[in-house]
């Protein structure tokens, strides 16, 4: 039964790697292709930091391996947590699978390249620009958002169950 959640993780990982391959072979480094004029473009950059370019300063040669190690820890924690949670919590299992796919996508880049390929460049004309990101970053963000929704939904169900129990007593 957990197989379908593993497939979600693999789908995110494959999609992330395919898009990074396309961008890194079709666009020159630090070059852009306008997708929606004034709002979105594909811009190939190398991210030596974490999500959205944080901690991107070069620092130690060991930084990619340290960040990769943290990714391994996160994946192990997700696997353990997933195995301890009931499969009936489908939203939670999907959230964990999507998040893990994103973590593994950036992990793959760090191990293979020493950096992460980022390419989604959102901006509003010349007034605002969001840090460049990729499919893996999006998956992590979406997975965490789904996790929060599941947590709120699950807490609400527990509160209703406790209220029903107290009314019966």
N, C-alpha and C. Protein backbone atom coordinates (compact mmCIF):
# COMPACT_ATOMS: atom_id res chain seq x y z
N UNK A 1 0.82 -1.20 0.00
CA UNK A 1 0.00 0.00 0.00
C UNK A 1 0.86 1.26 0.00
N UNK A 2 2.00 1.25 0.67
CA UNK A 2 2.89 2.41 0.69
C UNK A 2 3.51 2.65 -0.69
N UNK A 3 3.35 1.68 -1.57
CA UNK A 3 3.92 1.79 -2.91
C UNK A 3 3.46 3.01 -3.67
N UNK A 4 2.18 3.36 -3.52
CA UNK A 4 1.69 4.53 -4.25
C UNK A 4 2.33 5.82 -3.74
N UNK A 5 2.69 5.85 -2.47
CA UNK A 5 3.35 7.03 -1.94
C UNK A 5 4.81 7.08 -2.39
N UNK A 6 5.42 5.93 -2.53
CA UNK A 6 6.79 5.87 -3.07
C UNK A 6 6.77 6.34 -4.52
N UNK A 7 5.73 5.98 -5.25
CA UNK A 7 5.61 6.44 -6.65
C UNK A 7 5.50 7.97 -6.72
N UNK A 8 4.81 8.58 -5.77
CA UNK A 8 4.73 10.04 -5.74
C UNK A 8 6.12 10.64 -5.54
N UNK A 9 6.86 10.07 -4.60
CA UNK A 9 8.23 10.54 -4.35
C UNK A 9 9.08 10.40 -5.62
N UNK A 10 8.99 9.26 -6.27
CA UNK A 10 9.77 9.03 -7.49
C UNK A 10 9.33 9.96 -8.62
N UNK A 11 8.04 10.22 -8.73
CA UNK A 11 7.54 11.14 -9.76
C UNK A 11 8.12 12.55 -9.56
N UNK A 12 8.11 13.03 -8.32
CA UNK A 12 8.68 14.35 -8.03
C UNK A 12 10.17 14.35 -8.34
N UNK A 13 10.87 13.31 -7.94
CA UNK A 13 12.32 13.21 -8.18
C UNK A 13 12.63 13.21 -9.68
N UNK A 14 11.90 12.43 -10.44
CA UNK A 14 12.13 12.36 -11.89
C UNK A 14 11.80 13.69 -12.57
N UNK A 15 10.66 14.27 -12.21
CA UNK A 15 10.27 15.56 -12.79
C UNK A 15 11.31 16.64 -12.48
N UNK A 16 11.79 16.66 -11.25
CA UNK A 16 12.81 17.63 -10.85
C UNK A 16 14.08 17.43 -11.68
N UNK A 17 14.54 16.19 -11.78
CA UNK A 17 15.78 15.94 -12.53
C UNK A 17 15.63 16.21 -14.02
N UNK A 18 14.48 15.88 -14.59
CA UNK A 18 14.27 16.16 -16.01
C UNK A 18 14.26 17.66 -16.29
N UNK A 19 13.58 18.43 -15.45
CA UNK A 19 13.54 19.88 -15.67
C UNK A 19 14.92 20.50 -15.49
N UNK A 20 15.68 20.03 -14.52
CA UNK A 20 17.03 20.55 -14.31
C UNK A 20 17.94 20.19 -15.48
N UNK A 21 17.80 18.98 -16.00
CA UNK A 21 18.58 18.57 -17.16
C UNK A 21 18.24 19.45 -18.36
N UNK A 22 16.95 19.65 -18.62
CA UNK A 22 16.52 20.48 -19.74
C UNK A 22 17.11 21.88 -19.62
N UNK A 23 16.96 22.49 -18.47
CA UNK A 23 17.43 23.86 -18.28
C UNK A 23 18.95 23.94 -18.43
N UNK A 24 19.67 23.02 -17.82
CA UNK A 24 21.13 23.09 -17.85
C UNK A 24 21.72 22.79 -19.23
N UNK A 25 20.94 22.14 -20.09
CA UNK A 25 21.43 21.87 -21.45
C UNK A 25 20.89 22.86 -22.48
N UNK A 26 19.75 23.49 -22.18
CA UNK A 26 19.12 24.38 -23.16
C UNK A 26 19.41 25.86 -22.93
N UNK A 27 19.83 26.22 -21.72
CA UNK A 27 20.05 27.62 -21.38
C UNK A 27 21.46 27.79 -20.84
N UNK A 28 22.14 28.82 -21.28
CA UNK A 28 23.47 29.11 -20.76
C UNK A 28 23.37 29.57 -19.31
N UNK A 29 24.40 29.29 -18.54
CA UNK A 29 24.45 29.69 -17.14
C UNK A 29 24.23 31.19 -17.02
N UNK A 30 23.37 31.58 -16.09
CA UNK A 30 23.01 32.97 -15.80
C UNK A 30 22.28 33.66 -16.96
N UNK A 31 21.75 32.88 -17.88
CA UNK A 31 20.95 33.42 -18.98
C UNK A 31 19.48 33.14 -18.71
N UNK A 32 18.61 33.89 -19.40
CA UNK A 32 17.17 33.76 -19.17
C UNK A 32 16.39 33.62 -20.46
N UNK A 33 15.24 32.98 -20.35
CA UNK A 33 14.24 32.92 -21.42
C UNK A 33 12.95 33.44 -20.80
N UNK A 34 12.43 34.50 -21.37
CA UNK A 34 11.19 35.10 -20.85
C UNK A 34 10.02 34.17 -21.16
N UNK A 35 9.23 33.84 -20.16
CA UNK A 35 8.06 32.99 -20.32
C UNK A 35 6.80 33.85 -20.34
N UNK A 36 6.65 34.68 -19.32
CA UNK A 36 5.55 35.65 -19.26
C UNK A 36 6.21 37.00 -19.01
N UNK A 37 6.24 37.82 -20.04
CA UNK A 37 6.97 39.09 -19.99
C UNK A 37 6.60 39.90 -18.74
N UNK A 38 7.65 40.23 -17.98
CA UNK A 38 7.48 41.03 -16.79
C UNK A 38 7.12 40.25 -15.53
N UNK A 39 6.92 38.90 -15.68
CA UNK A 39 6.48 38.14 -14.51
C UNK A 39 7.21 36.81 -14.29
N UNK A 40 7.58 36.12 -15.35
CA UNK A 40 8.19 34.81 -15.18
C UNK A 40 9.18 34.53 -16.31
N UNK A 41 10.31 33.96 -15.93
CA UNK A 41 11.30 33.54 -16.91
C UNK A 41 12.04 32.32 -16.39
N UNK A 42 12.65 31.60 -17.29
CA UNK A 42 13.55 30.51 -16.93
C UNK A 42 14.94 31.12 -16.90
N UNK A 43 15.58 31.04 -15.76
CA UNK A 43 16.94 31.58 -15.60
C UNK A 43 17.80 30.50 -14.97
N UNK A 44 18.81 30.05 -15.68
CA UNK A 44 19.68 28.99 -15.17
C UNK A 44 20.73 29.58 -14.25
N UNK A 45 20.62 29.22 -12.95
CA UNK A 45 21.62 29.63 -11.96
C UNK A 45 22.05 28.42 -11.15
N UNK A 46 23.21 28.55 -10.56
CA UNK A 46 23.72 27.51 -9.67
C UNK A 46 23.56 28.00 -8.23
N UNK A 47 22.88 27.22 -7.44
CA UNK A 47 22.62 27.57 -6.04
C UNK A 47 23.54 26.73 -5.16
N UNK A 48 24.46 27.41 -4.49
CA UNK A 48 25.39 26.72 -3.59
C UNK A 48 24.86 26.69 -2.16
N UNK A 49 23.69 27.28 -1.95
CA UNK A 49 23.09 27.35 -0.61
C UNK A 49 21.95 26.36 -0.47
N UNK A 50 20.95 26.79 0.30
CA UNK A 50 19.76 25.97 0.51
C UNK A 50 18.60 26.62 -0.24
N UNK A 51 17.39 26.25 0.10
CA UNK A 51 16.21 26.73 -0.62
C UNK A 51 16.22 28.24 -0.81
N UNK A 52 15.88 28.66 -2.01
CA UNK A 52 15.75 30.06 -2.40
C UNK A 52 17.07 30.83 -2.23
N UNK A 53 18.20 30.13 -2.27
CA UNK A 53 19.50 30.78 -2.27
C UNK A 53 20.04 31.17 -0.90
N UNK A 54 19.34 30.82 0.17
CA UNK A 54 19.86 31.15 1.49
C UNK A 54 21.16 30.41 1.76
N UNK A 55 22.07 31.04 2.48
CA UNK A 55 23.39 30.49 2.82
C UNK A 55 24.20 30.12 1.58
N UNK A 56 24.12 30.98 0.57
CA UNK A 56 24.78 30.67 -0.70
C UNK A 56 26.26 31.05 -0.75
N UNK A 57 26.75 31.77 0.25
CA UNK A 57 28.17 32.13 0.25
C UNK A 57 29.01 30.87 0.19
N UNK A 58 30.11 30.91 -0.59
CA UNK A 58 30.89 29.69 -0.84
C UNK A 58 31.27 28.91 0.42
N UNK A 59 31.90 29.56 1.39
CA UNK A 59 32.25 28.86 2.63
C UNK A 59 33.15 27.67 2.39
N UNK A 60 32.92 26.60 3.09
CA UNK A 60 33.75 25.40 3.08
C UNK A 60 33.47 24.52 1.86
N UNK A 61 34.51 23.79 1.45
CA UNK A 61 34.35 22.81 0.38
C UNK A 61 33.47 21.66 0.84
N UNK A 62 33.31 21.54 2.14
CA UNK A 62 32.49 20.47 2.71
C UNK A 62 31.01 20.83 2.76
N UNK A 63 30.66 22.10 2.47
CA UNK A 63 29.27 22.53 2.60
C UNK A 63 28.29 21.68 1.79
N UNK A 64 28.58 21.34 0.51
CA UNK A 64 27.61 20.50 -0.22
C UNK A 64 27.36 19.15 0.47
N UNK A 65 28.41 18.60 1.08
CA UNK A 65 28.28 17.30 1.73
C UNK A 65 27.56 17.43 3.07
N UNK A 66 27.78 18.54 3.77
CA UNK A 66 27.06 18.80 5.01
C UNK A 66 25.56 18.96 4.71
N UNK A 67 25.24 19.76 3.68
CA UNK A 67 23.84 19.95 3.30
C UNK A 67 23.23 18.63 2.82
N UNK A 68 24.02 17.83 2.10
CA UNK A 68 23.53 16.51 1.65
C UNK A 68 23.28 15.61 2.85
N UNK A 69 24.16 15.68 3.84
CA UNK A 69 23.99 14.89 5.06
C UNK A 69 22.71 15.27 5.80
N UNK A 70 22.43 16.56 5.86
CA UNK A 70 21.18 17.02 6.48
C UNK A 70 19.97 16.49 5.71
N UNK A 71 20.10 16.43 4.39
CA UNK A 71 19.01 15.88 3.57
C UNK A 71 18.79 14.41 3.90
N UNK A 72 19.86 13.66 4.08
CA UNK A 72 19.75 12.24 4.42
C UNK A 72 19.02 12.09 5.76
N UNK A 73 19.40 12.91 6.72
CA UNK A 73 18.74 12.86 8.04
C UNK A 73 17.25 13.16 7.88
N UNK A 74 16.92 14.19 7.09
CA UNK A 74 15.51 14.56 6.88
C UNK A 74 14.74 13.41 6.24
N UNK A 75 15.35 12.75 5.25
CA UNK A 75 14.67 11.63 4.57
C UNK A 75 14.44 10.47 5.55
N UNK A 76 15.44 10.17 6.38
CA UNK A 76 15.28 9.09 7.36
C UNK A 76 14.15 9.43 8.34
N UNK A 77 14.12 10.66 8.82
CA UNK A 77 13.05 11.08 9.73
C UNK A 77 11.68 10.96 9.05
N UNK A 78 11.59 11.38 7.80
CA UNK A 78 10.32 11.28 7.07
C UNK A 78 9.89 9.83 6.92
N UNK A 79 10.82 8.96 6.57
CA UNK A 79 10.49 7.53 6.40
C UNK A 79 9.99 6.94 7.72
N UNK A 80 10.70 7.22 8.81
CA UNK A 80 10.29 6.69 10.12
C UNK A 80 8.91 7.22 10.49
N UNK A 81 8.72 8.52 10.32
CA UNK A 81 7.43 9.13 10.66
C UNK A 81 6.31 8.54 9.80
N UNK A 82 6.57 8.40 8.52
CA UNK A 82 5.57 7.84 7.61
C UNK A 82 5.18 6.43 8.02
N UNK A 83 6.17 5.62 8.38
CA UNK A 83 5.89 4.24 8.78
C UNK A 83 5.10 4.15 10.08
N UNK A 84 5.24 5.14 10.93
CA UNK A 84 4.53 5.15 12.21
C UNK A 84 3.12 5.73 12.11
N UNK A 85 2.83 6.38 11.00
CA UNK A 85 1.52 6.99 10.81
C UNK A 85 0.63 6.04 10.00
N UNK A 86 -0.66 6.04 10.30
CA UNK A 86 -1.57 5.14 9.56
C UNK A 86 -1.69 5.54 8.08
N UNK A 87 -1.82 4.55 7.24
CA UNK A 87 -2.00 4.80 5.81
C UNK A 87 -3.31 5.52 5.52
N UNK A 88 -4.26 5.44 6.46
CA UNK A 88 -5.54 6.11 6.29
C UNK A 88 -5.38 7.64 6.27
N UNK A 89 -4.29 8.13 6.81
CA UNK A 89 -4.01 9.57 6.77
C UNK A 89 -3.35 9.87 5.43
N UNK A 90 -4.14 9.75 4.39
CA UNK A 90 -3.65 9.88 3.02
C UNK A 90 -3.01 11.24 2.77
N UNK A 91 -3.63 12.30 3.25
CA UNK A 91 -3.09 13.64 3.04
C UNK A 91 -1.70 13.76 3.67
N UNK A 92 -1.53 13.21 4.86
CA UNK A 92 -0.23 13.23 5.53
C UNK A 92 0.79 12.44 4.72
N UNK A 93 0.41 11.25 4.26
CA UNK A 93 1.34 10.41 3.50
C UNK A 93 1.73 11.08 2.18
N UNK A 94 0.78 11.74 1.52
CA UNK A 94 1.09 12.47 0.28
C UNK A 94 2.05 13.61 0.59
N UNK A 95 1.78 14.35 1.66
CA UNK A 95 2.66 15.46 2.05
C UNK A 95 4.09 14.98 2.27
N UNK A 96 4.23 13.88 2.98
CA UNK A 96 5.56 13.34 3.26
C UNK A 96 6.25 12.87 1.98
N UNK A 97 5.48 12.23 1.09
CA UNK A 97 6.04 11.73 -0.17
C UNK A 97 6.51 12.88 -1.06
N UNK A 98 5.69 13.92 -1.18
CA UNK A 98 6.05 15.07 -2.02
C UNK A 98 7.28 15.78 -1.45
N UNK A 99 7.29 15.98 -0.13
CA UNK A 99 8.43 16.63 0.52
C UNK A 99 9.70 15.81 0.32
N UNK A 100 9.59 14.51 0.50
CA UNK A 100 10.77 13.66 0.34
C UNK A 100 11.28 13.67 -1.11
N UNK A 101 10.37 13.71 -2.07
CA UNK A 101 10.80 13.81 -3.47
C UNK A 101 11.59 15.08 -3.72
N UNK A 102 11.15 16.18 -3.14
CA UNK A 102 11.87 17.44 -3.29
C UNK A 102 13.24 17.40 -2.62
N UNK A 103 13.28 16.87 -1.42
CA UNK A 103 14.56 16.76 -0.71
C UNK A 103 15.54 15.91 -1.51
N UNK A 104 15.05 14.78 -2.03
CA UNK A 104 15.93 13.90 -2.81
C UNK A 104 16.38 14.55 -4.13
N UNK A 105 15.52 15.38 -4.72
CA UNK A 105 15.91 16.08 -5.95
C UNK A 105 17.10 17.00 -5.72
N UNK A 106 17.03 17.81 -4.68
CA UNK A 106 18.15 18.71 -4.40
C UNK A 106 19.37 17.94 -3.87
N UNK A 107 19.12 16.85 -3.14
CA UNK A 107 20.20 15.99 -2.66
C UNK A 107 21.00 15.45 -3.84
N UNK A 108 20.29 14.98 -4.87
CA UNK A 108 20.95 14.45 -6.06
C UNK A 108 21.87 15.49 -6.69
N UNK A 109 21.39 16.72 -6.81
CA UNK A 109 22.22 17.79 -7.37
C UNK A 109 23.47 18.02 -6.53
N UNK A 110 23.30 18.11 -5.23
CA UNK A 110 24.45 18.39 -4.35
C UNK A 110 25.53 17.32 -4.46
N UNK A 111 25.09 16.07 -4.54
CA UNK A 111 26.05 14.97 -4.64
C UNK A 111 26.70 14.93 -6.03
N UNK A 112 25.92 15.09 -7.07
CA UNK A 112 26.43 14.97 -8.45
C UNK A 112 27.19 16.21 -8.91
N UNK A 113 26.73 17.40 -8.49
CA UNK A 113 27.31 18.63 -9.03
C UNK A 113 28.04 19.47 -7.99
N UNK A 114 27.63 19.37 -6.73
CA UNK A 114 28.18 20.25 -5.70
C UNK A 114 27.35 21.52 -5.54
N UNK A 115 26.29 21.65 -6.31
CA UNK A 115 25.36 22.77 -6.24
C UNK A 115 24.00 22.29 -6.74
N UNK A 116 23.00 23.15 -6.61
CA UNK A 116 21.64 22.83 -7.07
C UNK A 116 21.30 23.73 -8.25
N UNK A 117 20.70 23.13 -9.27
CA UNK A 117 20.24 23.90 -10.43
C UNK A 117 18.90 24.55 -10.08
N UNK A 118 18.86 25.87 -10.15
CA UNK A 118 17.62 26.62 -9.97
C UNK A 118 17.29 27.31 -11.28
N UNK A 119 16.00 27.50 -11.54
CA UNK A 119 15.65 28.08 -12.85
C UNK A 119 14.30 28.80 -12.91
N UNK A 120 13.45 28.64 -11.94
CA UNK A 120 12.15 29.33 -11.97
C UNK A 120 12.35 30.71 -11.36
N UNK A 121 12.15 31.72 -12.18
CA UNK A 121 12.45 33.10 -11.79
C UNK A 121 11.17 33.93 -11.90
N UNK A 122 10.53 34.16 -10.75
CA UNK A 122 9.29 34.92 -10.72
C UNK A 122 9.58 36.35 -10.27
N UNK A 123 8.93 37.30 -10.92
CA UNK A 123 9.15 38.71 -10.59
C UNK A 123 7.96 39.53 -11.04
N UNK A 124 7.86 40.73 -10.52
CA UNK A 124 6.83 41.67 -10.96
C UNK A 124 7.57 42.87 -11.55
N UNK A 125 7.61 42.86 -12.87
CA UNK A 125 8.34 43.90 -13.61
C UNK A 125 9.71 44.11 -12.96
N UNK A 126 10.07 45.33 -12.69
CA UNK A 126 11.36 45.62 -12.06
C UNK A 126 11.22 45.96 -10.58
N UNK A 127 10.04 45.70 -9.99
CA UNK A 127 9.81 46.12 -8.61
C UNK A 127 10.01 45.01 -7.58
N UNK A 128 9.80 43.76 -7.95
CA UNK A 128 9.91 42.66 -7.00
C UNK A 128 10.42 41.43 -7.71
N UNK A 129 11.31 40.71 -7.05
CA UNK A 129 11.83 39.46 -7.61
C UNK A 129 11.95 38.43 -6.49
N UNK A 130 11.31 37.28 -6.70
CA UNK A 130 11.41 36.18 -5.76
C UNK A 130 12.70 35.43 -6.06
N UNK A 131 13.42 34.89 -5.05
CA UNK A 131 14.64 34.12 -5.32
C UNK A 131 14.35 32.96 -6.29
N UNK A 132 15.26 32.73 -7.20
CA UNK A 132 15.11 31.66 -8.19
C UNK A 132 15.04 30.31 -7.47
N UNK A 133 14.17 29.43 -7.97
CA UNK A 133 13.97 28.13 -7.33
C UNK A 133 13.76 27.06 -8.38
N UNK A 134 13.42 25.84 -7.96
CA UNK A 134 13.26 24.72 -8.88
C UNK A 134 12.07 23.86 -8.47
N UNK A 135 11.85 22.77 -9.17
CA UNK A 135 10.73 21.87 -8.89
C UNK A 135 10.87 21.26 -7.50
N UNK A 136 12.08 20.90 -7.10
CA UNK A 136 12.29 20.30 -5.77
C UNK A 136 11.91 21.29 -4.67
N UNK A 137 12.33 22.54 -4.81
CA UNK A 137 11.96 23.56 -3.81
C UNK A 137 10.44 23.70 -3.75
N UNK A 138 9.80 23.70 -4.91
CA UNK A 138 8.34 23.80 -4.96
C UNK A 138 7.69 22.61 -4.27
N UNK A 139 8.22 21.42 -4.51
CA UNK A 139 7.66 20.21 -3.90
C UNK A 139 7.80 20.25 -2.38
N UNK A 140 8.94 20.71 -1.90
CA UNK A 140 9.13 20.81 -0.45
C UNK A 140 8.12 21.79 0.14
N UNK A 141 7.97 22.93 -0.50
CA UNK A 141 7.03 23.95 -0.02
C UNK A 141 5.59 23.43 -0.05
N UNK A 142 5.21 22.80 -1.15
CA UNK A 142 3.85 22.25 -1.28
C UNK A 142 3.64 21.13 -0.26
N UNK A 143 4.63 20.26 -0.11
CA UNK A 143 4.52 19.17 0.86
C UNK A 143 4.32 19.68 2.28
N UNK A 144 5.05 20.71 2.66
CA UNK A 144 4.90 21.28 4.00
C UNK A 144 3.53 21.94 4.16
N UNK A 145 3.06 22.60 3.11
CA UNK A 145 1.73 23.21 3.16
C UNK A 145 0.66 22.13 3.35
N UNK A 146 0.78 21.02 2.63
CA UNK A 146 -0.18 19.92 2.77
C UNK A 146 -0.08 19.32 4.17
N UNK A 147 1.14 19.21 4.69
CA UNK A 147 1.35 18.70 6.04
C UNK A 147 0.63 19.58 7.07
N UNK A 148 0.73 20.89 6.91
CA UNK A 148 0.04 21.81 7.82
C UNK A 148 -1.48 21.65 7.72
N UNK A 149 -1.98 21.52 6.50
CA UNK A 149 -3.42 21.32 6.31
C UNK A 149 -3.86 20.02 6.99
N UNK A 150 -3.09 18.96 6.79
CA UNK A 150 -3.43 17.68 7.42
C UNK A 150 -3.40 17.79 8.94
N UNK A 151 -2.41 18.48 9.46
CA UNK A 151 -2.29 18.64 10.91
C UNK A 151 -3.51 19.39 11.47
N UNK A 152 -3.88 20.48 10.81
CA UNK A 152 -5.06 21.23 11.26
C UNK A 152 -6.33 20.39 11.15
N UNK A 153 -6.46 19.66 10.06
CA UNK A 153 -7.63 18.80 9.84
C UNK A 153 -7.68 17.70 10.90
N UNK A 154 -6.53 17.10 11.18
CA UNK A 154 -6.46 16.01 12.15
C UNK A 154 -6.73 16.53 13.57
N UNK A 155 -6.20 17.70 13.91
CA UNK A 155 -6.46 18.28 15.23
C UNK A 155 -7.94 18.60 15.39
N UNK A 156 -8.56 19.13 14.34
CA UNK A 156 -9.98 19.46 14.38
C UNK A 156 -10.79 18.20 14.61
N UNK A 157 -10.42 17.11 13.96
CA UNK A 157 -11.14 15.84 14.13
C UNK A 157 -10.97 15.33 15.56
N UNK A 158 -9.78 15.48 16.13
CA UNK A 158 -9.55 15.05 17.51
C UNK A 158 -10.39 15.86 18.49
N UNK A 159 -10.47 17.17 18.26
CA UNK A 159 -11.27 18.04 19.13
C UNK A 159 -12.74 17.63 19.07
N UNK A 160 -13.26 17.39 17.86
CA UNK A 160 -14.66 16.96 17.71
C UNK A 160 -14.89 15.62 18.41
N UNK A 161 -13.92 14.72 18.31
CA UNK A 161 -14.04 13.40 18.94
C UNK A 161 -14.06 13.56 20.47
N UNK A 162 -13.18 14.41 21.00
CA UNK A 162 -13.14 14.64 22.45
C UNK A 162 -14.42 15.30 22.93
N UNK A 163 -14.96 16.24 22.17
CA UNK A 163 -16.21 16.90 22.54
C UNK A 163 -17.37 15.90 22.55
N UNK A 164 -17.39 15.02 21.56
CA UNK A 164 -18.44 14.00 21.50
C UNK A 164 -18.34 13.07 22.70
N UNK A 165 -17.11 12.69 23.06
CA UNK A 165 -16.89 11.81 24.22
C UNK A 165 -17.35 12.49 25.51
N UNK A 166 -17.04 13.79 25.64
CA UNK A 166 -17.42 14.49 26.88
C UNK A 166 -18.93 14.67 26.97
N UNK A 167 -19.61 14.81 25.83
CA UNK A 167 -21.07 14.93 25.85
C UNK A 167 -21.75 13.61 26.24
N UNK A 168 -21.12 12.51 25.89
CA UNK A 168 -21.70 11.19 26.22
C UNK A 168 -21.55 10.86 27.69
N UNK A 169 -20.63 11.50 28.37
CA UNK A 169 -20.38 11.17 29.79
C UNK A 169 -21.30 11.88 30.69
